[in-house]
Amino acid sequence: MLVLTNMKKGTDTRNKRAYRMGARAEAAEETRLRILDAVIGLHMERYYDQVSLEDVAQRAGVTVQTVLRRFGSKDRLIDAASEVVRERVMRQRGEAPVGDIAGAVENLVDHYEEWGENVLRLLAQEDRVSAFRRTAEAGRALHYEWVERTFEPMLTERDGEDRRRLMAQLVAVCDVYVWKILSLDLGLSREQTELAIREMILALRGEG
């Protein structure tokens, strides 16, 4: 009986320790995500030089020391936040239907409506902020992969230099600056912006 009692006490102790460790890990992850969300939100509103670690800490509800202990530096913090954004964008852009031009353009414009202005702000700073340059390069790679996957049925109709040229044209037509010109600069509605992009893609396929 004594042995069984001791075994039960030992099991209870281990269970409590495991629970405490799990709770601490969960709290630590919540803090990490809160800090990263603060960074993302602030850089959607301001330029790099206008965001300090104090701003990040205040918005996340932690101390600057906590931010530094977690990430080490402002650039490493931005790298981590960029990875979170990239994963979110990949999930959203990954929902684009392959071979469906209307569906692909709707997916694309959904992305730009949410992230477009932030992307433009980032691109305007990539030459002077190394962390943003890395983010921009990763974003371009993701965009190229999206175009190649989404428009593969069109691309398979071409080969050699013809395919390479069509790929370049699709990358350009689907670029954030085209959305900027149509939507922000010229003030086209969401519906008209989508229609304009679809028409350009159809023209590339010889249906314009």
Protein backbone atom coordinates (compact mmCIF):
# COMPACT_ATOMS: atom_id res chain seq x y z
CA MET A 1 0.00 0.00 0.00
CA LEU A 2 2.85 2.36 0.87
CA VAL A 3 4.50 1.62 -2.46
CA LEU A 4 1.30 2.39 -4.35
CA THR A 5 0.84 5.61 -2.40
CA ASN A 6 4.40 6.73 -3.16
CA MET A 7 3.94 5.85 -6.82
CA LYS A 8 0.75 7.93 -6.94
CA LYS A 9 2.52 10.88 -5.30
CA GLY A 10 5.36 10.57 -7.78
CA THR A 11 2.93 10.46 -10.70
CA ASP A 12 1.03 13.48 -9.39
CA THR A 13 4.28 15.41 -8.99
CA ARG A 14 5.34 14.62 -12.54
CA ASN A 15 1.92 15.56 -13.89
CA LYS A 16 1.96 18.89 -12.04
CA ARG A 17 5.48 19.61 -13.27
CA ALA A 18 4.50 18.78 -16.84
CA TYR A 19 1.41 20.99 -16.53
CA ARG A 20 3.47 23.92 -15.25
CA MET A 21 6.01 23.49 -18.03
CA GLY A 22 3.25 23.29 -20.62
CA ALA A 23 1.57 26.39 -19.24
CA ARG A 24 4.87 28.30 -19.29
CA ALA A 25 5.56 27.23 -22.88
CA GLU A 26 2.07 28.30 -23.91
CA ALA A 27 2.45 31.67 -22.21
CA ALA A 28 5.86 32.16 -23.84
CA GLU A 29 4.42 31.42 -27.28
CA GLU A 30 1.53 33.82 -26.69
CA THR A 31 4.03 36.53 -25.73
CA ARG A 32 6.13 35.82 -28.83
CA LEU A 33 3.12 36.08 -31.14
CA ARG A 34 1.91 39.24 -29.40
CA ILE A 35 5.29 40.87 -30.00
CA LEU A 36 5.34 39.79 -33.65
CA ASP A 37 1.78 41.04 -34.21
CA ALA A 38 2.83 44.37 -32.68
CA VAL A 39 5.77 44.63 -35.11
CA ILE A 40 3.58 43.77 -38.08
CA GLY A 41 0.90 46.26 -37.07
CA LEU A 42 3.35 49.09 -36.45
CA HIS A 43 5.14 48.63 -39.77
CA MET A 44 1.80 48.63 -41.57
CA GLU A 45 1.29 52.13 -40.16
CA ARG A 46 4.77 53.67 -40.13
CA TYR A 47 8.20 53.64 -41.73
CA TYR A 48 11.16 51.75 -40.29
CA ASP A 49 12.73 54.79 -38.62
CA GLN A 50 9.41 55.64 -36.97
CA VAL A 51 9.16 52.31 -35.13
CA SER A 52 11.28 51.79 -32.01
CA LEU A 53 11.65 48.79 -29.75
CA GLU A 54 9.87 50.85 -27.11
CA ASP A 55 6.90 51.20 -29.47
CA VAL A 56 6.86 47.45 -30.06
CA ALA A 57 7.09 46.66 -26.35
CA GLN A 58 4.34 49.11 -25.46
CA ARG A 59 1.93 47.76 -28.06
CA ALA A 60 2.69 44.16 -27.11
CA GLY A 61 2.32 44.89 -23.39
CA VAL A 62 5.83 43.75 -22.49
CA THR A 63 9.17 45.35 -21.61
CA VAL A 64 11.92 46.20 -24.07
CA GLN A 65 14.09 43.69 -22.22
CA THR A 66 11.57 40.98 -23.01
CA VAL A 67 11.66 41.89 -26.70
CA LEU A 68 15.45 41.81 -26.78
CA ARG A 69 15.62 38.59 -24.80
CA ARG A 70 13.30 36.96 -27.32
CA PHE A 71 14.73 38.32 -30.55
CA GLY A 72 18.09 39.97 -29.87
CA SER A 73 17.81 42.98 -32.19
CA LYS A 74 15.37 45.03 -34.23
CA ASP A 75 16.46 43.43 -37.51
CA ARG A 76 16.08 39.91 -36.14
CA LEU A 77 12.66 40.89 -34.84
CA ILE A 78 11.67 42.10 -38.31
CA ASP A 79 12.99 38.89 -39.86
CA ALA A 80 10.81 36.85 -37.51
CA ALA A 81 7.76 39.02 -38.18
CA SER A 82 8.37 38.78 -41.93
CA GLU A 83 8.34 34.99 -41.68
CA VAL A 84 4.96 35.12 -39.94
CA VAL A 85 3.59 37.38 -42.67
CA ARG A 86 5.07 35.18 -45.37
CA GLU A 87 3.36 32.11 -43.92
CA ARG A 88 0.03 33.94 -43.80
CA VAL A 89 0.43 35.19 -47.36
CA MET A 90 1.41 31.72 -48.58
CA ARG A 91 -1.74 30.25 -47.07
CA GLN A 92 -3.94 32.91 -48.64
CA ARG A 93 -2.25 32.96 -52.06
CA GLY A 94 -2.12 29.17 -52.03
CA GLU A 95 -5.91 29.12 -52.23
CA ALA A 96 -5.84 30.51 -55.78
CA PRO A 97 -7.39 27.98 -58.19
CA VAL A 98 -4.96 26.71 -60.81
CA GLY A 99 -6.01 27.53 -64.35
CA ASP A 100 -8.97 29.70 -63.29
CA ILE A 101 -8.05 33.23 -64.34
CA ALA A 102 -11.02 34.93 -62.68
CA GLY A 103 -10.48 33.02 -59.44
CA ALA A 104 -6.74 33.71 -59.48
CA VAL A 105 -7.24 37.44 -60.01
CA GLU A 106 -9.82 37.57 -57.21
CA ASN A 107 -7.32 35.86 -54.92
CA LEU A 108 -4.58 38.27 -56.01
CA VAL A 109 -6.66 41.38 -55.42
CA ASP A 110 -7.80 40.03 -52.05
CA HIS A 111 -4.13 39.89 -51.13
CA TYR A 112 -3.37 43.39 -52.38
CA GLU A 113 -6.42 44.87 -50.69
CA GLU A 114 -5.11 43.55 -47.38
CA TRP A 115 -1.34 43.86 -47.81
CA GLY A 116 -0.71 46.03 -50.89
CA GLU A 117 -0.03 49.36 -49.24
CA ASN A 118 2.22 47.69 -46.68
CA VAL A 119 4.15 45.96 -49.47
CA LEU A 120 4.60 49.29 -51.27
CA ARG A 121 5.92 50.89 -48.08
CA LEU A 122 8.34 48.03 -47.60
CA LEU A 123 9.60 48.19 -51.20
CA ALA A 124 10.22 51.92 -50.81
CA GLN A 125 12.64 51.15 -47.98
CA GLU A 126 14.40 47.97 -49.13
CA ASP A 127 17.47 49.80 -50.43
CA ARG A 128 18.30 51.19 -47.00
CA VAL A 129 16.94 48.55 -44.59
CA SER A 130 18.63 45.18 -44.95
CA ALA A 131 15.84 43.31 -43.14
CA PHE A 132 13.29 44.75 -45.56
CA ARG A 133 15.49 43.83 -48.52
CA ARG A 134 15.49 40.21 -47.38
CA THR A 135 11.73 40.36 -46.93
CA ALA A 136 11.25 41.88 -50.38
CA GLU A 137 13.42 39.23 -52.03
CA ALA A 138 11.46 36.47 -50.31
CA GLY A 139 8.22 38.12 -51.39
CA ARG A 140 9.32 38.28 -55.02
CA ALA A 141 10.26 34.61 -54.95
CA LEU A 142 6.85 33.74 -53.51
CA HIS A 143 5.14 35.83 -56.21
CA TYR A 144 7.08 34.10 -59.02
CA GLU A 145 6.18 30.69 -57.60
CA TRP A 146 2.52 31.71 -57.34
CA VAL A 147 2.41 32.89 -60.95
CA GLU A 148 4.09 29.73 -62.23
CA ARG A 149 1.76 27.44 -60.27
CA THR A 150 -1.46 29.35 -60.87
CA PHE A 151 -0.99 29.91 -64.60
CA GLU A 152 0.72 26.60 -65.37
CA PRO A 153 -1.98 25.61 -67.94
CA MET A 154 -1.17 28.76 -69.93
CA LEU A 155 2.56 28.29 -69.56
CA THR A 156 2.50 24.68 -70.75
CA GLU A 157 1.25 25.91 -74.11
CA ARG A 158 4.63 27.60 -74.65
CA ASP A 159 8.23 26.44 -74.50
CA GLY A 160 11.70 27.93 -74.54
CA GLU A 161 11.91 31.69 -74.86
CA ASP A 162 8.16 31.96 -75.51
CA ARG A 163 7.40 30.39 -72.14
CA ARG A 164 10.00 32.53 -70.40
CA ARG A 165 8.55 35.70 -71.96
CA LEU A 166 4.98 34.74 -71.03
CA MET A 167 6.07 34.02 -67.46
CA ALA A 168 7.69 37.45 -67.26
CA GLN A 169 4.56 39.10 -68.64
CA LEU A 170 2.32 37.34 -66.13
CA VAL A 171 4.64 38.28 -63.27
CA ALA A 172 4.46 41.92 -64.40
CA VAL A 173 0.69 42.01 -64.93
CA CYS A 174 0.11 40.52 -61.47
CA ASP A 175 2.63 42.80 -59.74
CA VAL A 176 1.62 45.02 -56.82
CA TYR A 177 2.50 48.15 -58.83
CA VAL A 178 -0.12 47.30 -61.45
CA TRP A 179 -2.69 47.02 -58.65
CA LYS A 180 -1.40 50.35 -57.26
CA ILE A 181 -1.81 52.14 -60.59
CA LEU A 182 -5.28 50.77 -61.25
CA SER A 183 -6.71 50.96 -57.75
CA LEU A 184 -4.84 53.67 -55.86
CA ASP A 185 -3.59 56.03 -58.57
CA LEU A 186 -6.49 55.84 -61.05
CA GLY A 187 -9.18 55.05 -58.51
CA LEU A 188 -10.77 52.07 -60.21
CA SER A 189 -13.25 50.12 -58.11
CA ARG A 190 -12.41 46.65 -56.87
CA GLU A 191 -14.58 45.17 -59.62
CA GLN A 192 -12.99 47.26 -62.36
CA THR A 193 -9.49 46.55 -61.07
CA GLU A 194 -10.11 42.81 -61.27
CA LEU A 195 -11.62 43.17 -64.73
CA ALA A 196 -8.63 45.16 -65.98
CA ILE A 197 -6.15 42.56 -64.75
CA ARG A 198 -8.23 39.70 -66.16
CA GLU A 199 -8.39 41.40 -69.56
CA MET A 200 -4.61 41.83 -69.64
CA ILE A 201 -4.10 38.17 -68.82
CA LEU A 202 -6.63 37.07 -71.43
CA ALA A 203 -4.86 39.26 -73.99
CA LEU A 204 -1.63 37.41 -73.23
CA ARG A 205 -3.47 34.19 -73.95
CA GLY A 206 -4.71 35.64 -77.24
CA GLU A 207 -8.29 36.17 -76.11
CA GLY A 208 -8.22 39.92 -75.68
